[in-house]
Amino acid sequence: MSNLTTTSAKKSCAFFERVSRELLDAGARAGVGHHVALSIVGIDRVGMGYYQGKLRQEDVVRNGATPWTVLRATQFHEFAQQTLDRVPRPLAVVPRMRTQPVAAREVAQHLVRLALAPAQGMAPDLAGPAVEQLVDLTRRLLRARNERRLLLPVTFPGAAGRAMKGDGLLPTGRGPRGSQTFDAWLAHHVADTAPAAGRG
């Protein structure tokens, strides 16, 4: 496992430091000449516990002996569903957050291209084609799935909440952009998860 779900900075930092060192050590023993790590856009601007762990991951990779590339990407289209999964029905508690969601498939393709190229350190941020509000994405997901839940937008307290509502999780410079919109992903996602009897 190379990921966990937590809001604790202590747990996140401990996890990502241990896993990153183990992966680097295993790669060195196998003769890997290029270590590629996936991170998240804006983790240096939004002070959440999980993001502190991702920063620790980047630091371990940066200071390792293996040539490295770190790609920061924005949230995947699946993030809206992941947010719903954290709260029991009938509620849907969703943070107010601006994001530029990207297709996981496009991130994977970009990681492959980076892995086959020379190490470049911090790669340009990868994001989706459009800036969205997470509350709006979640509302569209619920509507597409004909799912009734009480949607409760919330603002995280302090500087982290303000950064999430603003531009904290958006790319600040030029970089690659995915082509699949959230609505295009949603149309395929709903079709793929529909009951077999309901498909044409």
C-alpha atoms as a PDB file:
ATOM      1  CA  MET A   1       0.000   0.000   0.000  1.00  0.00           C
ATOM      2  CA  SER A   2       1.405   3.425  -0.964  1.00  0.00           C
ATOM      3  CA  ASN A   3      -1.411   5.655   0.271  1.00  0.00           C
ATOM      4  CA  LEU A   4      -3.621   6.166   3.310  1.00  0.00           C
ATOM      5  CA  THR A   5      -6.596   8.285   4.337  1.00  0.00           C
ATOM      6  CA  THR A   6      -5.943  10.492   7.351  1.00  0.00           C
ATOM      7  CA  THR A   7      -6.145  14.100   8.504  1.00  0.00           C
ATOM      8  CA  SER A   8      -3.326  13.578  11.017  1.00  0.00           C
ATOM      9  CA  ALA A   9      -0.052  15.213  10.004  1.00  0.00           C
ATOM     10  CA  LYS A  10       1.878  12.884  12.322  1.00  0.00           C
ATOM     11  CA  LYS A  11       0.387   9.721  10.815  1.00  0.00           C
ATOM     12  CA  SER A  12       0.674  11.014   7.272  1.00  0.00           C
ATOM     13  CA  CYS A  13       4.315  12.067   7.636  1.00  0.00           C
ATOM     14  CA  ALA A  14       5.293   8.789   9.292  1.00  0.00           C
ATOM     15  CA  PHE A  15       3.543   6.737   6.623  1.00  0.00           C
ATOM     16  CA  PHE A  16       4.875   8.561   3.571  1.00  0.00           C
ATOM     17  CA  GLU A  17       8.421   8.753   4.938  1.00  0.00           C
ATOM     18  CA  ARG A  18       8.501   5.010   5.648  1.00  0.00           C
ATOM     19  CA  VAL A  19       6.918   3.987   2.349  1.00  0.00           C
ATOM     20  CA  SER A  20       9.087   6.347   0.296  1.00  0.00           C
ATOM     21  CA  ARG A  21      12.289   5.077   1.893  1.00  0.00           C
ATOM     22  CA  GLU A  22      11.225   1.466   1.363  1.00  0.00           C
ATOM     23  CA  LEU A  23      10.440   2.119  -2.304  1.00  0.00           C
ATOM     24  CA  LEU A  24      13.743   3.927  -2.839  1.00  0.00           C
ATOM     25  CA  ASP A  25      15.670   1.126  -1.132  1.00  0.00           C
ATOM     26  CA  ALA A  26      13.864  -1.542  -3.165  1.00  0.00           C
ATOM     27  CA  GLY A  27      14.497   0.412  -6.351  1.00  0.00           C
ATOM     28  CA  ALA A  28      18.195   0.741  -5.561  1.00  0.00           C
ATOM     29  CA  ARG A  29      18.501  -3.008  -4.983  1.00  0.00           C
ATOM     30  CA  ALA A  30      16.752  -3.638  -8.309  1.00  0.00           C
ATOM     31  CA  GLY A  31      18.980  -1.190 -10.164  1.00  0.00           C
ATOM     32  CA  VAL A  32      16.249   1.378 -10.861  1.00  0.00           C
ATOM     33  CA  GLY A  33      17.799   4.485 -12.395  1.00  0.00           C
ATOM     34  CA  HIS A  34      14.827   6.837 -12.253  1.00  0.00           C
ATOM     35  CA  HIS A  35      12.348   7.186  -9.375  1.00  0.00           C
ATOM     36  CA  VAL A  36       9.032   8.859 -10.299  1.00  0.00           C
ATOM     37  CA  ALA A  37       6.626   9.961  -7.557  1.00  0.00           C
ATOM     38  CA  LEU A  38       3.092  11.318  -7.812  1.00  0.00           C
ATOM     39  CA  SER A  39       2.186  14.222  -5.547  1.00  0.00           C
ATOM     40  CA  ILE A  40      -0.576  16.852  -5.319  1.00  0.00           C
ATOM     41  CA  VAL A  41      -0.787  20.402  -6.621  1.00  0.00           C
ATOM     42  CA  GLY A  42      -0.881  23.008  -3.851  1.00  0.00           C
ATOM     43  CA  ILE A  43       0.318  20.925  -0.903  1.00  0.00           C
ATOM     44  CA  ASP A  44       2.847  23.611  -0.059  1.00  0.00           C
ATOM     45  CA  ARG A  45       0.052  26.220   0.134  1.00  0.00           C
ATOM     46  CA  VAL A  46      -2.713  24.325   1.964  1.00  0.00           C
ATOM     47  CA  GLY A  47      -1.639  23.262   5.465  1.00  0.00           C
ATOM     48  CA  MET A  48      -3.630  20.058   5.912  1.00  0.00           C
ATOM     49  CA  GLY A  49      -2.275  17.025   7.759  1.00  0.00           C
ATOM     50  CA  TYR A  50      -2.414  14.651   4.794  1.00  0.00           C
ATOM     51  CA  TYR A  51      -0.597  17.170   2.612  1.00  0.00           C
ATOM     52  CA  GLN A  52       2.197  17.448   5.177  1.00  0.00           C
ATOM     53  CA  GLY A  53       2.848  13.762   4.575  1.00  0.00           C
ATOM     54  CA  LYS A  54       2.992  14.277   0.824  1.00  0.00           C
ATOM     55  CA  LEU A  55       5.530  17.046   1.355  1.00  0.00           C
ATOM     56  CA  ARG A  56       7.578  14.633   3.441  1.00  0.00           C
ATOM     57  CA  GLN A  57       7.365  12.128   0.592  1.00  0.00           C
ATOM     58  CA  GLU A  58       8.701  14.709  -1.838  1.00  0.00           C
ATOM     59  CA  ASP A  59      11.529  15.567   0.549  1.00  0.00           C
ATOM     60  CA  VAL A  60      12.589  11.931   0.940  1.00  0.00           C
ATOM     61  CA  VAL A  61      12.587  11.423  -2.835  1.00  0.00           C
ATOM     62  CA  ARG A  62      14.467  14.680  -3.405  1.00  0.00           C
ATOM     63  CA  ASN A  63      17.209  13.663  -0.984  1.00  0.00           C
ATOM     64  CA  GLY A  64      17.512  10.072  -2.163  1.00  0.00           C
ATOM     65  CA  ALA A  65      20.413   8.696  -4.176  1.00  0.00           C
ATOM     66  CA  THR A  66      18.287   7.792  -7.220  1.00  0.00           C
ATOM     67  CA  PRO A  67      17.646  10.414  -9.935  1.00  0.00           C
ATOM     68  CA  TRP A  68      14.054  11.520  -9.491  1.00  0.00           C
ATOM     69  CA  THR A  69      11.010  13.209 -10.939  1.00  0.00           C
ATOM     70  CA  VAL A  70       8.014  14.383  -8.892  1.00  0.00           C
ATOM     71  CA  LEU A  71       4.737  15.108 -10.672  1.00  0.00           C
ATOM     72  CA  ARG A  72       2.154  17.138  -8.822  1.00  0.00           C
ATOM     73  CA  ALA A  73      -1.354  16.593 -10.185  1.00  0.00           C
ATOM     74  CA  THR A  74      -4.710  18.022  -9.202  1.00  0.00           C
ATOM     75  CA  GLN A  75      -7.500  15.891  -7.743  1.00  0.00           C
ATOM     76  CA  PHE A  76      -8.825  13.083  -9.917  1.00  0.00           C
ATOM     77  CA  HIS A  77     -12.414  13.132 -11.174  1.00  0.00           C
ATOM     78  CA  GLU A  78     -13.085  10.345  -8.634  1.00  0.00           C
ATOM     79  CA  PHE A  79     -12.437  12.765  -5.761  1.00  0.00           C
ATOM     80  CA  ALA A  80     -16.113  13.778  -5.553  1.00  0.00           C
ATOM     81  CA  GLN A  81     -17.113  10.149  -5.007  1.00  0.00           C
ATOM     82  CA  GLN A  82     -14.316   9.661  -2.478  1.00  0.00           C
ATOM     83  CA  THR A  83     -15.629  12.667  -0.568  1.00  0.00           C
ATOM     84  CA  LEU A  84     -19.113  11.135  -0.476  1.00  0.00           C
ATOM     85  CA  ASP A  85     -17.749   7.790   0.697  1.00  0.00           C
ATOM     86  CA  ARG A  86     -16.301   9.377   3.853  1.00  0.00           C
ATOM     87  CA  VAL A  87     -19.728  10.398   5.194  1.00  0.00           C
ATOM     88  CA  PRO A  88     -22.593   7.997   5.971  1.00  0.00           C
ATOM     89  CA  ARG A  89     -25.925   8.516   4.244  1.00  0.00           C
ATOM     90  CA  PRO A  90     -28.184  10.437   4.122  1.00  0.00           C
ATOM     91  CA  LEU A  91     -25.677  13.282   4.530  1.00  0.00           C
ATOM     92  CA  ALA A  92     -23.116  14.531   2.029  1.00  0.00           C
ATOM     93  CA  VAL A  93     -20.685  16.834   3.817  1.00  0.00           C
ATOM     94  CA  VAL A  94     -18.483  18.471   1.178  1.00  0.00           C
ATOM     95  CA  PRO A  95     -15.735  21.043   1.693  1.00  0.00           C
ATOM     96  CA  ARG A  96     -15.880  24.295  -0.210  1.00  0.00           C
ATOM     97  CA  MET A  97     -12.941  23.872  -2.502  1.00  0.00           C
ATOM     98  CA  ARG A  98     -11.783  24.965  -5.938  1.00  0.00           C
ATOM     99  CA  THR A  99     -10.147  22.258  -7.984  1.00  0.00           C
ATOM    100  CA  GLN A 100      -9.141  21.564 -11.573  1.00  0.00           C
ATOM    101  CA  PRO A 101      -9.941  17.841 -11.723  1.00  0.00           C
ATOM    102  CA  VAL A 102      -8.096  15.547 -14.075  1.00  0.00           C
ATOM    103  CA  ALA A 103      -8.729  12.032 -15.385  1.00  0.00           C
ATOM    104  CA  ALA A 104      -6.740   9.360 -13.554  1.00  0.00           C
ATOM    105  CA  ARG A 105      -6.090   7.695 -16.914  1.00  0.00           C
ATOM    106  CA  GLU A 106      -4.419  10.842 -18.233  1.00  0.00           C
ATOM    107  CA  VAL A 107      -2.285  11.130 -15.097  1.00  0.00           C
ATOM    108  CA  ALA A 108      -1.150   7.518 -15.520  1.00  0.00           C
ATOM    109  CA  GLN A 109      -0.243   8.137 -19.152  1.00  0.00           C
ATOM    110  CA  HIS A 110       1.764  11.207 -18.199  1.00  0.00           C
ATOM    111  CA  LEU A 111       3.587   9.299 -15.452  1.00  0.00           C
ATOM    112  CA  VAL A 112       4.642   6.682 -18.009  1.00  0.00           C
ATOM    113  CA  ARG A 113       6.019   9.387 -20.308  1.00  0.00           C
ATOM    114  CA  LEU A 114       7.957  10.903 -17.418  1.00  0.00           C
ATOM    115  CA  ALA A 115       9.317   7.525 -16.343  1.00  0.00           C
ATOM    116  CA  LEU A 116      10.664   6.866 -19.858  1.00  0.00           C
ATOM    117  CA  ALA A 117      12.336  10.291 -20.032  1.00  0.00           C
ATOM    118  CA  PRO A 118      15.407  11.525 -18.143  1.00  0.00           C
ATOM    119  CA  ALA A 119      14.859  12.573 -14.523  1.00  0.00           C
ATOM    120  CA  GLN A 120      13.873  16.240 -14.285  1.00  0.00           C
ATOM    121  CA  GLY A 121      13.229  16.946 -10.595  1.00  0.00           C
ATOM    122  CA  MET A 122       9.955  18.804 -10.128  1.00  0.00           C
ATOM    123  CA  ALA A 123       7.896  18.384 -13.293  1.00  0.00           C
ATOM    124  CA  PRO A 124       5.362  21.034 -14.357  1.00  0.00           C
ATOM    125  CA  ASP A 125       2.008  20.605 -12.614  1.00  0.00           C
ATOM    126  CA  LEU A 126      -0.594  18.472 -14.360  1.00  0.00           C
ATOM    127  CA  ALA A 127      -4.244  19.567 -14.140  1.00  0.00           C
ATOM    128  CA  GLY A 128      -7.567  19.005 -15.841  1.00  0.00           C
ATOM    129  CA  PRO A 129      -9.142  21.244 -18.472  1.00  0.00           C
ATOM    130  CA  ALA A 130     -11.375  23.393 -16.224  1.00  0.00           C
ATOM    131  CA  VAL A 131     -11.583  24.899 -12.749  1.00  0.00           C
ATOM    132  CA  GLU A 132     -14.556  23.564 -10.784  1.00  0.00           C
ATOM    133  CA  GLN A 133     -16.158  23.811  -7.352  1.00  0.00           C
ATOM    134  CA  LEU A 134     -16.112  20.512  -5.464  1.00  0.00           C
ATOM    135  CA  VAL A 135     -19.621  21.163  -4.132  1.00  0.00           C
ATOM    136  CA  ASP A 136     -20.884  21.535  -7.710  1.00  0.00           C
ATOM    137  CA  LEU A 137     -19.090  18.361  -8.820  1.00  0.00           C
ATOM    138  CA  THR A 138     -20.657  16.418  -5.967  1.00  0.00           C
ATOM    139  CA  ARG A 139     -24.117  17.769  -6.742  1.00  0.00           C
ATOM    140  CA  ARG A 140     -23.751  16.708 -10.394  1.00  0.00           C
ATOM    141  CA  LEU A 141     -22.558  13.267  -9.338  1.00  0.00           C
ATOM    142  CA  LEU A 142     -25.558  12.777  -7.042  1.00  0.00           C
ATOM    143  CA  ARG A 143     -27.945  13.950  -9.746  1.00  0.00           C
ATOM    144  CA  ALA A 144     -26.412  11.654 -12.377  1.00  0.00           C
ATOM    145  CA  ARG A 145     -26.766   8.685 -10.039  1.00  0.00           C
ATOM    146  CA  ASN A 146     -30.311   9.632  -8.952  1.00  0.00           C
ATOM    147  CA  GLU A 147     -29.023   9.566  -5.394  1.00  0.00           C
ATOM    148  CA  ARG A 148     -30.794  11.609  -2.735  1.00  0.00           C
ATOM    149  CA  ARG A 149     -28.527  12.912  -0.006  1.00  0.00           C
ATOM    150  CA  LEU A 150     -28.582  16.135   2.004  1.00  0.00           C
ATOM    151  CA  LEU A 151     -25.662  18.125   0.616  1.00  0.00           C
ATOM    152  CA  LEU A 152     -23.963  20.218   3.311  1.00  0.00           C
ATOM    153  CA  PRO A 153     -21.155  22.495   2.080  1.00  0.00           C
ATOM    154  CA  VAL A 154     -18.611  23.258   4.809  1.00  0.00           C
ATOM    155  CA  THR A 155     -15.591  25.535   5.026  1.00  0.00           C
ATOM    156  CA  PHE A 156     -12.464  24.202   6.688  1.00  0.00           C
ATOM    157  CA  PRO A 157     -11.309  26.532   9.477  1.00  0.00           C
ATOM    158  CA  GLY A 158      -8.307  28.815   9.327  1.00  0.00           C
ATOM    159  CA  ALA A 159      -5.784  29.439   6.588  1.00  0.00           C
ATOM    160  CA  ALA A 160      -6.202  25.965   5.088  1.00  0.00           C
ATOM    161  CA  GLY A 161      -9.910  26.523   4.533  1.00  0.00           C
ATOM    162  CA  ARG A 162      -9.318  29.925   2.968  1.00  0.00           C
ATOM    163  CA  ALA A 163      -6.676  28.475   0.656  1.00  0.00           C
ATOM    164  CA  MET A 164      -8.982  25.636  -0.405  1.00  0.00           C
ATOM    165  CA  LYS A 165     -11.789  28.083  -1.221  1.00  0.00           C
ATOM    166  CA  GLY A 166      -9.338  30.212  -3.170  1.00  0.00           C
ATOM    167  CA  ASP A 167      -6.542  29.208  -5.513  1.00  0.00           C
ATOM    168  CA  GLY A 168      -4.527  27.091  -3.092  1.00  0.00           C
ATOM    169  CA  LEU A 169      -5.085  23.793  -4.902  1.00  0.00           C
ATOM    170  CA  LEU A 170      -4.855  25.164  -8.433  1.00  0.00           C
ATOM    171  CA  PRO A 171      -1.728  25.200 -10.625  1.00  0.00           C
ATOM    172  CA  THR A 172       0.110  28.504 -10.624  1.00  0.00           C
ATOM    173  CA  GLY A 173       2.134  28.133 -13.810  1.00  0.00           C
ATOM    174  CA  ARG A 174       2.071  26.647 -17.262  1.00  0.00           C
ATOM    175  CA  GLY A 175       2.005  22.888 -17.574  1.00  0.00           C
ATOM    176  CA  PRO A 176       0.278  19.939 -19.222  1.00  0.00           C
ATOM    177  CA  ARG A 177      -3.507  19.836 -19.112  1.00  0.00           C
ATOM    178  CA  GLY A 178      -5.801  16.852 -19.451  1.00  0.00           C
ATOM    179  CA  SER A 179      -8.561  16.849 -22.037  1.00  0.00           C
ATOM    180  CA  GLN A 180     -11.361  14.856 -20.370  1.00  0.00           C
ATOM    181  CA  THR A 181     -13.854  17.086 -18.547  1.00  0.00           C
ATOM    182  CA  PHE A 182     -15.596  16.035 -15.360  1.00  0.00           C
ATOM    183  CA  ASP A 183     -18.937  15.802 -17.172  1.00  0.00           C
ATOM    184  CA  ALA A 184     -17.437  13.540 -19.864  1.00  0.00           C
ATOM    185  CA  TRP A 185     -15.918  11.337 -17.163  1.00  0.00           C
ATOM    186  CA  LEU A 186     -19.224  11.331 -15.279  1.00  0.00           C
ATOM    187  CA  ALA A 187     -21.170  10.151 -18.322  1.00  0.00           C
ATOM    188  CA  HIS A 188     -18.830   7.164 -18.703  1.00  0.00           C
ATOM    189  CA  HIS A 189     -18.692   6.539 -14.944  1.00  0.00           C
ATOM    190  CA  VAL A 190     -22.467   6.378 -14.558  1.00  0.00           C
ATOM    191  CA  ALA A 191     -22.781   4.129 -17.625  1.00  0.00           C
ATOM    192  CA  ASP A 192     -20.044   1.809 -16.334  1.00  0.00           C
ATOM    193  CA  THR A 193     -21.620   1.480 -12.877  1.00  0.00           C
ATOM    194  CA  ALA A 194     -25.248   1.152 -13.971  1.00  0.00           C
ATOM    195  CA  PRO A 195     -26.971  -2.188 -13.213  1.00  0.00           C
ATOM    196  CA  ALA A 196     -26.758  -4.607 -16.132  1.00  0.00           C
ATOM    197  CA  ALA A 197     -30.546  -4.734 -16.456  1.00  0.00           C
ATOM    198  CA  GLY A 198     -30.650  -0.997 -16.920  1.00  0.00           C
ATOM    199  CA  ARG A 199     -28.216  -0.942 -19.826  1.00  0.00           C
ATOM    200  CA  GLY A 200     -29.364  -0.897 -23.430  1.00  0.00           C
END
